[in-house]
Amino acid sequence: MEIDAYLDEIDRLWPRAGEPPARELVDLCSQGVEEHPESSTLWYDLGIIMERCDEAYAFTADDSRRCFENAVKCDPNNAEAYQELGYVLDVYFSDYAGAEQAFNKAIQLGAERESYFGRARSLAQAGRTEDAIKSLSQDACPFHDDLDIQKLRTEILDGSWFSELNEENS
């Protein structure tokens, strides 16, 4: 099957928000990257689907990371893949320096608010509170007025974000 046909079928089978992916979609995404390992979009889609799967599929964070790494190897201009790689490195591997690099690359490529949010989160988790706050400033973040960005900045400044994070990790 051609890449465009895979992408059309993936789009048709894509789950609604909150729904787990169907086995048919998981199999289709896997088949797509086997047939077209050069497709950044197919690798990206597979990584996203793996993240949405429940334990029954037995995918690991390593599987998702590999997908996003392959996506950026195939297309070094794929901002979304860098952003997702950043989140995987941050959330599952506590690789804050790697996450920061991935988010910086996504931002450089024109990524949206989520990459600025993720970069600040990674910086704060690495103990670089001042850098995290600066990264959300008017000079550094075009989304500085966004309510979620303002909330994160406030939580980092007053330390409440860290206490919530520590409670989650307990």
N, C-alpha and C. Protein backbone atom coordinates (compact mmCIF):
# COMPACT_ATOMS: atom_id res chain seq x y z
N MET A 1 0.86 -1.17 0.00
CA MET A 1 0.00 0.00 0.00
C MET A 1 0.91 1.24 0.00
N GLU A 2 0.47 2.28 -0.68
CA GLU A 2 1.21 3.54 -0.72
C GLU A 2 1.06 4.30 0.60
N ILE A 3 2.01 5.18 0.88
CA ILE A 3 1.98 5.94 2.13
C ILE A 3 0.68 6.72 2.29
N ASP A 4 0.25 7.39 1.23
CA ASP A 4 -0.99 8.18 1.33
C ASP A 4 -2.19 7.31 1.66
N ALA A 5 -2.22 6.10 1.13
CA ALA A 5 -3.33 5.19 1.44
C ALA A 5 -3.29 4.78 2.91
N TYR A 6 -2.08 4.53 3.42
CA TYR A 6 -1.96 4.23 4.86
C TYR A 6 -2.47 5.41 5.68
N LEU A 7 -2.03 6.60 5.34
CA LEU A 7 -2.41 7.78 6.11
C LEU A 7 -3.92 8.01 6.07
N ASP A 8 -4.54 7.78 4.91
CA ASP A 8 -6.00 7.93 4.82
C ASP A 8 -6.71 6.91 5.71
N GLU A 9 -6.24 5.68 5.69
CA GLU A 9 -6.87 4.63 6.49
C GLU A 9 -6.62 4.87 7.99
N ILE A 10 -5.43 5.32 8.33
CA ILE A 10 -5.13 5.65 9.73
C ILE A 10 -6.06 6.76 10.20
N ASP A 11 -6.22 7.78 9.37
CA ASP A 11 -7.12 8.89 9.71
C ASP A 11 -8.54 8.38 9.93
N ARG A 12 -8.99 7.46 9.10
CA ARG A 12 -10.35 6.92 9.21
C ARG A 12 -10.53 6.13 10.51
N LEU A 13 -9.48 5.43 10.93
CA LEU A 13 -9.56 4.57 12.11
C LEU A 13 -9.15 5.27 13.41
N TRP A 14 -8.65 6.51 13.30
CA TRP A 14 -8.11 7.21 14.48
C TRP A 14 -9.19 7.31 15.56
N PRO A 15 -8.85 6.96 16.80
CA PRO A 15 -9.85 6.99 17.87
C PRO A 15 -10.23 8.42 18.27
N ARG A 16 -11.43 8.55 18.76
CA ARG A 16 -11.89 9.83 19.31
C ARG A 16 -11.18 10.05 20.64
N ALA A 17 -11.20 11.27 21.11
CA ALA A 17 -10.57 11.61 22.39
C ALA A 17 -11.10 10.70 23.48
N GLY A 18 -10.18 10.13 24.25
CA GLY A 18 -10.54 9.28 25.36
C GLY A 18 -10.77 7.82 25.00
N GLU A 19 -10.85 7.51 23.72
CA GLU A 19 -11.04 6.13 23.28
C GLU A 19 -9.70 5.47 23.04
N PRO A 20 -9.58 4.19 23.40
CA PRO A 20 -8.34 3.49 23.07
C PRO A 20 -8.31 3.14 21.58
N PRO A 21 -7.13 2.99 21.02
CA PRO A 21 -7.06 2.62 19.61
C PRO A 21 -7.51 1.17 19.40
N ALA A 22 -8.12 0.94 18.27
CA ALA A 22 -8.53 -0.42 17.91
C ALA A 22 -7.31 -1.21 17.45
N ARG A 23 -7.35 -2.51 17.67
CA ARG A 23 -6.25 -3.40 17.24
C ARG A 23 -5.97 -3.22 15.75
N GLU A 24 -7.02 -3.03 14.97
CA GLU A 24 -6.86 -2.83 13.53
C GLU A 24 -5.96 -1.62 13.23
N LEU A 25 -6.12 -0.56 13.98
CA LEU A 25 -5.29 0.63 13.79
C LEU A 25 -3.85 0.38 14.20
N VAL A 26 -3.66 -0.28 15.32
CA VAL A 26 -2.31 -0.60 15.78
C VAL A 26 -1.59 -1.45 14.73
N ASP A 27 -2.27 -2.46 14.23
CA ASP A 27 -1.68 -3.33 13.21
C ASP A 27 -1.39 -2.56 11.92
N LEU A 28 -2.30 -1.68 11.53
CA LEU A 28 -2.11 -0.89 10.32
C LEU A 28 -0.89 0.03 10.44
N CYS A 29 -0.75 0.71 11.57
CA CYS A 29 0.40 1.59 11.79
C CYS A 29 1.71 0.79 11.78
N SER A 30 1.70 -0.37 12.41
CA SER A 30 2.90 -1.21 12.44
C SER A 30 3.26 -1.68 11.03
N GLN A 31 2.26 -2.10 10.29
CA GLN A 31 2.49 -2.54 8.91
C GLN A 31 3.01 -1.38 8.06
N GLY A 32 2.47 -0.20 8.28
CA GLY A 32 2.90 0.97 7.52
C GLY A 32 4.38 1.28 7.69
N VAL A 33 4.87 1.24 8.93
CA VAL A 33 6.30 1.54 9.13
C VAL A 33 7.19 0.40 8.64
N GLU A 34 6.66 -0.83 8.64
CA GLU A 34 7.44 -1.93 8.06
C GLU A 34 7.61 -1.75 6.56
N GLU A 35 6.53 -1.35 5.89
CA GLU A 35 6.58 -1.15 4.44
C GLU A 35 7.26 0.15 4.04
N HIS A 36 7.15 1.16 4.89
CA HIS A 36 7.69 2.49 4.56
C HIS A 36 8.50 3.04 5.74
N PRO A 37 9.64 2.41 6.04
CA PRO A 37 10.43 2.87 7.20
C PRO A 37 11.01 4.27 7.03
N GLU A 38 10.87 4.85 5.84
CA GLU A 38 11.36 6.20 5.57
C GLU A 38 10.32 7.27 5.87
N SER A 39 9.12 6.87 6.29
CA SER A 39 8.03 7.82 6.50
C SER A 39 8.01 8.36 7.93
N SER A 40 8.37 9.60 8.08
CA SER A 40 8.33 10.26 9.38
C SER A 40 6.91 10.28 9.94
N THR A 41 5.94 10.53 9.08
CA THR A 41 4.55 10.62 9.52
C THR A 41 4.05 9.28 10.06
N LEU A 42 4.38 8.20 9.37
CA LEU A 42 3.94 6.88 9.85
C LEU A 42 4.59 6.53 11.18
N TRP A 43 5.88 6.84 11.34
CA TRP A 43 6.56 6.59 12.62
C TRP A 43 5.90 7.43 13.72
N TYR A 44 5.63 8.68 13.42
CA TYR A 44 5.00 9.57 14.39
C TYR A 44 3.63 9.01 14.81
N ASP A 45 2.81 8.64 13.83
CA ASP A 45 1.48 8.10 14.14
C ASP A 45 1.58 6.85 15.00
N LEU A 46 2.52 5.97 14.67
CA LEU A 46 2.68 4.75 15.46
C LEU A 46 3.07 5.09 16.90
N GLY A 47 3.96 6.04 17.08
CA GLY A 47 4.35 6.46 18.43
C GLY A 47 3.18 6.99 19.23
N ILE A 48 2.35 7.82 18.59
CA ILE A 48 1.18 8.38 19.27
C ILE A 48 0.20 7.26 19.63
N ILE A 49 -0.03 6.36 18.71
CA ILE A 49 -0.95 5.25 18.98
C ILE A 49 -0.42 4.38 20.12
N MET A 50 0.88 4.10 20.13
CA MET A 50 1.45 3.30 21.22
C MET A 50 1.22 3.96 22.58
N GLU A 51 1.34 5.29 22.62
CA GLU A 51 1.12 6.00 23.87
C GLU A 51 -0.33 5.90 24.34
N ARG A 52 -1.25 5.74 23.41
CA ARG A 52 -2.67 5.68 23.76
C ARG A 52 -3.16 4.27 24.08
N CYS A 53 -2.31 3.29 23.81
CA CYS A 53 -2.71 1.89 24.06
C CYS A 53 -2.66 1.57 25.55
N ASP A 54 -3.51 0.65 25.95
CA ASP A 54 -3.48 0.21 27.34
C ASP A 54 -2.48 -0.93 27.51
N GLU A 55 -2.41 -1.46 28.72
CA GLU A 55 -1.42 -2.49 29.07
C GLU A 55 -1.57 -3.76 28.23
N ALA A 56 -2.74 -4.02 27.71
CA ALA A 56 -2.98 -5.23 26.94
C ALA A 56 -2.09 -5.32 25.69
N TYR A 57 -1.65 -4.18 25.19
CA TYR A 57 -0.81 -4.16 24.00
C TYR A 57 0.67 -4.37 24.32
N ALA A 58 1.05 -4.20 25.55
CA ALA A 58 2.42 -4.43 26.02
C ALA A 58 3.46 -3.54 25.34
N PHE A 59 3.07 -2.34 24.93
CA PHE A 59 4.06 -1.39 24.41
C PHE A 59 4.74 -0.72 25.59
N THR A 60 5.98 -0.36 25.41
CA THR A 60 6.74 0.30 26.46
C THR A 60 7.07 1.73 26.04
N ALA A 61 7.56 2.49 26.99
CA ALA A 61 8.02 3.84 26.68
C ALA A 61 9.17 3.80 25.69
N ASP A 62 9.99 2.75 25.77
CA ASP A 62 11.07 2.58 24.79
C ASP A 62 10.53 2.47 23.37
N ASP A 63 9.40 1.78 23.23
CA ASP A 63 8.78 1.63 21.90
C ASP A 63 8.37 3.00 21.35
N SER A 64 7.73 3.79 22.19
CA SER A 64 7.31 5.14 21.76
C SER A 64 8.53 6.00 21.44
N ARG A 65 9.52 5.95 22.31
CA ARG A 65 10.73 6.76 22.07
C ARG A 65 11.36 6.39 20.74
N ARG A 66 11.45 5.09 20.46
CA ARG A 66 12.04 4.63 19.20
C ARG A 66 11.26 5.17 18.01
N CYS A 67 9.95 5.18 18.11
CA CYS A 67 9.12 5.70 17.01
C CYS A 67 9.41 7.18 16.76
N PHE A 68 9.46 7.97 17.82
CA PHE A 68 9.69 9.40 17.64
C PHE A 68 11.13 9.68 17.20
N GLU A 69 12.08 8.89 17.67
CA GLU A 69 13.46 9.03 17.18
C GLU A 69 13.54 8.71 15.69
N ASN A 70 12.84 7.66 15.27
CA ASN A 70 12.82 7.33 13.85
C ASN A 70 12.13 8.41 13.04
N ALA A 71 11.06 8.99 13.58
CA ALA A 71 10.35 10.06 12.88
C ALA A 71 11.27 11.25 12.62
N VAL A 72 12.08 11.63 13.62
CA VAL A 72 12.97 12.78 13.42
C VAL A 72 14.17 12.43 12.55
N LYS A 73 14.58 11.16 12.55
CA LYS A 73 15.65 10.74 11.63
C LYS A 73 15.16 10.83 10.19
N CYS A 74 13.91 10.42 9.98
CA CYS A 74 13.34 10.46 8.63
C CYS A 74 13.09 11.88 8.16
N ASP A 75 12.70 12.74 9.08
CA ASP A 75 12.42 14.14 8.75
C ASP A 75 12.90 15.03 9.89
N PRO A 76 14.12 15.55 9.78
CA PRO A 76 14.66 16.41 10.83
C PRO A 76 13.89 17.71 11.03
N ASN A 77 12.86 17.96 10.22
CA ASN A 77 12.04 19.16 10.37
C ASN A 77 10.66 18.86 10.95
N ASN A 78 10.49 17.68 11.51
CA ASN A 78 9.19 17.28 12.07
C ASN A 78 9.09 17.78 13.52
N ALA A 79 8.57 18.98 13.67
CA ALA A 79 8.47 19.62 14.99
C ALA A 79 7.61 18.79 15.95
N GLU A 80 6.52 18.22 15.46
CA GLU A 80 5.65 17.44 16.33
C GLU A 80 6.36 16.22 16.89
N ALA A 81 7.19 15.58 16.07
CA ALA A 81 7.92 14.39 16.53
C ALA A 81 8.94 14.79 17.60
N TYR A 82 9.62 15.92 17.41
CA TYR A 82 10.54 16.40 18.45
C TYR A 82 9.80 16.70 19.74
N GLN A 83 8.62 17.30 19.62
CA GLN A 83 7.84 17.62 20.81
C GLN A 83 7.45 16.34 21.56
N GLU A 84 6.96 15.35 20.85
CA GLU A 84 6.56 14.10 21.50
C GLU A 84 7.77 13.37 22.07
N LEU A 85 8.90 13.42 21.38
CA LEU A 85 10.12 12.83 21.91
C LEU A 85 10.49 13.52 23.21
N GLY A 86 10.35 14.83 23.25
CA GLY A 86 10.62 15.57 24.48
C GLY A 86 9.76 15.09 25.63
N TYR A 87 8.48 14.90 25.38
CA TYR A 87 7.59 14.43 26.44
C TYR A 87 7.94 13.02 26.90
N VAL A 88 8.26 12.16 25.97
CA VAL A 88 8.63 10.78 26.35
C VAL A 88 9.89 10.81 27.20
N LEU A 89 10.89 11.59 26.79
CA LEU A 89 12.15 11.66 27.55
C LEU A 89 11.91 12.25 28.93
N ASP A 90 11.06 13.25 29.03
CA ASP A 90 10.74 13.89 30.30
C ASP A 90 9.95 12.95 31.21
N VAL A 91 8.80 12.52 30.75
CA VAL A 91 7.85 11.80 31.59
C VAL A 91 8.29 10.38 31.92
N TYR A 92 8.79 9.65 30.95
CA TYR A 92 9.09 8.22 31.17
C TYR A 92 10.54 7.93 31.53
N PHE A 93 11.45 8.81 31.14
CA PHE A 93 12.87 8.52 31.35
C PHE A 93 13.56 9.52 32.28
N SER A 94 12.86 10.56 32.68
CA SER A 94 13.46 11.62 33.51
C SER A 94 14.77 12.12 32.91
N ASP A 95 14.84 12.12 31.59
CA ASP A 95 16.00 12.63 30.85
C ASP A 95 15.70 14.09 30.51
N TYR A 96 15.88 14.95 31.51
CA TYR A 96 15.48 16.34 31.37
C TYR A 96 16.34 17.10 30.36
N ALA A 97 17.62 16.78 30.30
CA ALA A 97 18.49 17.44 29.32
C ALA A 97 18.10 17.02 27.91
N GLY A 98 17.83 15.75 27.71
CA GLY A 98 17.39 15.27 26.40
C GLY A 98 16.05 15.86 26.01
N ALA A 99 15.15 15.94 26.99
CA ALA A 99 13.83 16.53 26.74
C ALA A 99 13.98 18.00 26.36
N GLU A 100 14.82 18.72 27.10
CA GLU A 100 15.04 20.14 26.79
C GLU A 100 15.54 20.30 25.36
N GLN A 101 16.48 19.47 24.95
CA GLN A 101 17.00 19.55 23.58
C GLN A 101 15.90 19.29 22.56
N ALA A 102 15.09 18.27 22.81
CA ALA A 102 14.01 17.95 21.88
C ALA A 102 12.99 19.09 21.81
N PHE A 103 12.62 19.65 22.96
CA PHE A 103 11.67 20.77 22.95
C PHE A 103 12.28 21.99 22.28
N ASN A 104 13.56 22.26 22.51
CA ASN A 104 14.22 23.39 21.85
C ASN A 104 14.18 23.23 20.33
N LYS A 105 14.44 22.01 19.86
CA LYS A 105 14.41 21.76 18.42
C LYS A 105 12.99 21.95 17.89
N ALA A 106 12.00 21.45 18.62
CA ALA A 106 10.61 21.63 18.20
C ALA A 106 10.26 23.12 18.11
N ILE A 107 10.69 23.89 19.10
CA ILE A 107 10.43 25.33 19.11
C ILE A 107 11.13 26.00 17.94
N GLN A 108 12.37 25.62 17.71
CA GLN A 108 13.12 26.17 16.57
C GLN A 108 12.40 25.92 15.25
N LEU A 109 11.71 24.78 15.17
CA LEU A 109 10.99 24.40 13.95
C LEU A 109 9.56 24.95 13.90
N GLY A 110 9.17 25.73 14.91
CA GLY A 110 7.87 26.38 14.87
C GLY A 110 6.78 25.69 15.66
N ALA A 111 7.16 24.85 16.60
CA ALA A 111 6.14 24.16 17.41
C ALA A 111 5.31 25.15 18.20
N GLU A 112 4.20 24.67 18.68
CA GLU A 112 3.25 25.50 19.38
C GLU A 112 3.48 25.51 20.90
N ARG A 113 2.50 25.95 21.60
CA ARG A 113 2.52 26.17 23.05
C ARG A 113 3.03 24.96 23.84
N GLU A 114 2.66 23.77 23.44
CA GLU A 114 3.00 22.57 24.21
C GLU A 114 4.51 22.38 24.35
N SER A 115 5.26 22.78 23.34
CA SER A 115 6.72 22.64 23.43
C SER A 115 7.32 23.63 24.42
N TYR A 116 6.77 24.83 24.49
CA TYR A 116 7.23 25.82 25.47
C TYR A 116 6.91 25.33 26.89
N PHE A 117 5.73 24.78 27.03
CA PHE A 117 5.29 24.23 28.31
C PHE A 117 6.21 23.08 28.71
N GLY A 118 6.45 22.16 27.79
CA GLY A 118 7.30 21.00 28.07
C GLY A 118 8.73 21.38 28.41
N ARG A 119 9.26 22.36 27.67
CA ARG A 119 10.63 22.80 27.96
C ARG A 119 10.73 23.37 29.37
N ALA A 120 9.78 24.21 29.75
CA ALA A 120 9.81 24.80 31.09
C ALA A 120 9.68 23.71 32.16
N ARG A 121 8.83 22.77 31.91
CA ARG A 121 8.65 21.64 32.83
C ARG A 121 9.94 20.86 33.02
N SER A 122 10.61 20.57 31.91
CA SER A 122 11.88 19.84 31.97
C SER A 122 12.95 20.62 32.71
N LEU A 123 13.02 21.91 32.44
CA LEU A 123 13.99 22.75 33.13
C LEU A 123 13.73 22.77 34.63
N ALA A 124 12.47 22.93 35.01
CA ALA A 124 12.11 22.96 36.42
C ALA A 124 12.43 21.63 37.11
N GLN A 125 12.10 20.54 36.44
CA GLN A 125 12.37 19.22 37.03
C GLN A 125 13.86 18.96 37.18
N ALA A 126 14.65 19.58 36.33
CA ALA A 126 16.10 19.44 36.41
C ALA A 126 16.69 20.35 37.49
N GLY A 127 15.82 21.09 38.18
CA GLY A 127 16.29 22.00 39.23
C GLY A 127 16.71 23.36 38.71
N ARG A 128 16.40 23.66 37.48
CA ARG A 128 16.79 24.93 36.86
C ARG A 128 15.58 25.87 36.85
N THR A 129 15.12 26.18 38.04
CA THR A 129 13.91 26.98 38.21
C THR A 129 14.01 28.34 37.52
N GLU A 130 15.12 29.02 37.70
CA GLU A 130 15.28 30.34 37.10
C GLU A 130 15.21 30.27 35.58
N ASP A 131 15.86 29.25 34.99
CA ASP A 131 15.80 29.08 33.54
C ASP A 131 14.38 28.74 33.09
N ALA A 132 13.67 27.94 33.89
CA ALA A 132 12.28 27.58 33.55
C ALA A 132 11.42 28.84 33.50
N ILE A 133 11.56 29.71 34.49
CA ILE A 133 10.77 30.94 34.53
C ILE A 133 11.14 31.84 33.36
N LYS A 134 12.43 31.98 33.08
CA LYS A 134 12.86 32.81 31.95
C LYS A 134 12.31 32.26 30.63
N SER A 135 12.23 30.92 30.51
CA SER A 135 11.76 30.33 29.26
C SER A 135 10.28 30.61 29.00
N LEU A 136 9.56 31.05 30.04
CA LEU A 136 8.14 31.37 29.90
C LEU A 136 7.89 32.87 29.86
N SER A 137 8.96 33.66 29.84
CA SER A 137 8.82 35.11 29.84
C SER A 137 8.32 35.63 28.50
N GLN A 138 7.91 36.88 28.51
CA GLN A 138 7.42 37.53 27.29
C GLN A 138 8.48 37.51 26.19
N ASP A 139 9.74 37.68 26.56
CA ASP A 139 10.83 37.70 25.58
C ASP A 139 11.11 36.33 24.98
N ALA A 140 10.85 35.26 25.73
CA ALA A 140 11.22 33.91 25.29
C ALA A 140 10.05 33.06 24.81
N CYS A 141 8.84 33.44 25.16
CA CYS A 141 7.69 32.58 24.88
C CYS A 141 6.55 33.39 24.27
N PRO A 142 6.24 33.12 23.01
CA PRO A 142 5.13 33.86 22.39
C PRO A 142 3.76 33.53 22.99
N PHE A 143 3.71 32.52 23.83
CA PHE A 143 2.46 32.11 24.48
C PHE A 143 2.44 32.50 25.95
N HIS A 144 3.25 33.48 26.33
CA HIS A 144 3.38 33.86 27.74
C HIS A 144 2.06 34.29 28.37
N ASP A 145 1.09 34.74 27.55
CA ASP A 145 -0.21 35.16 28.07
C ASP A 145 -1.22 34.02 28.19
N ASP A 146 -0.88 32.86 27.67
CA ASP A 146 -1.76 31.70 27.74
C ASP A 146 -1.99 31.31 29.20
N LEU A 147 -3.22 30.99 29.56
CA LEU A 147 -3.56 30.70 30.95
C LEU A 147 -2.78 29.51 31.52
N ASP A 148 -2.61 28.46 30.73
CA ASP A 148 -1.85 27.30 31.21
C ASP A 148 -0.37 27.65 31.42
N ILE A 149 0.18 28.47 30.55
CA ILE A 149 1.57 28.92 30.70
C ILE A 149 1.69 29.78 31.95
N GLN A 150 0.75 30.70 32.15
CA GLN A 150 0.78 31.55 33.35
C GLN A 150 0.65 30.70 34.61
N LYS A 151 -0.21 29.72 34.57
CA LYS A 151 -0.39 28.84 35.74
C LYS A 151 0.89 28.07 36.03
N LEU A 152 1.53 27.53 35.01
CA LEU A 152 2.78 26.80 35.22
C LEU A 152 3.84 27.73 35.80
N ARG A 153 3.96 28.92 35.24
CA ARG A 153 4.94 29.90 35.74
C ARG A 153 4.68 30.20 37.22
N THR A 154 3.43 30.43 37.59
CA THR A 154 3.07 30.71 38.99
C THR A 154 3.41 29.51 39.88
N GLU A 155 3.06 28.33 39.43
CA GLU A 155 3.32 27.13 40.23
C GLU A 155 4.81 26.87 40.41
N ILE A 156 5.59 27.16 39.39
CA ILE A 156 7.05 27.01 39.52
C ILE A 156 7.58 28.05 40.51
N LEU A 157 7.12 29.29 40.38
CA LEU A 157 7.58 30.36 41.27
C LEU A 157 7.23 30.11 42.73
N ASP A 158 6.01 29.65 42.99
CA ASP A 158 5.62 29.48 44.40
C ASP A 158 5.91 28.08 44.94
N GLY A 159 6.44 27.21 44.10
CA GLY A 159 6.83 25.88 44.56
C GLY A 159 5.71 24.87 44.61
N SER A 160 4.47 25.28 44.32
CA SER A 160 3.36 24.34 44.42
C SER A 160 3.43 23.26 43.34
N TRP A 161 3.98 23.60 42.20
CA TRP A 161 4.11 22.61 41.13
C TRP A 161 5.00 21.46 41.58
N PHE A 162 6.08 21.79 42.29
CA PHE A 162 7.00 20.76 42.74
C PHE A 162 6.38 19.86 43.80
N SER A 163 5.57 20.44 44.68
CA SER A 163 4.93 19.60 45.68
C SER A 163 3.92 18.66 45.04
N GLU A 164 3.19 19.15 44.01
CA GLU A 164 2.27 18.29 43.29
C GLU A 164 3.03 17.18 42.58
N LEU A 165 4.15 17.52 41.98
CA LEU A 165 4.97 16.53 41.28
C LEU A 165 5.49 15.50 42.25
N ASN A 166 5.94 15.93 43.42
CA ASN A 166 6.46 14.99 44.42
C ASN A 166 5.37 14.07 44.93
N GLU A 167 4.14 14.60 45.07
CA GLU A 167 3.02 13.75 45.50
C GLU A 167 2.71 12.69 44.47
N GLU A 168 2.77 13.07 43.18
CA GLU A 168 2.50 12.11 42.10
C GLU A 168 3.55 11.01 42.08
N ASN A 169 4.79 11.34 42.38
CA ASN A 169 5.88 10.38 42.33
C ASN A 169 6.03 9.57 43.60
N SER A 170 5.21 9.84 44.63
CA SER A 170 5.31 9.11 45.89
C SER A 170 4.60 7.78 45.81
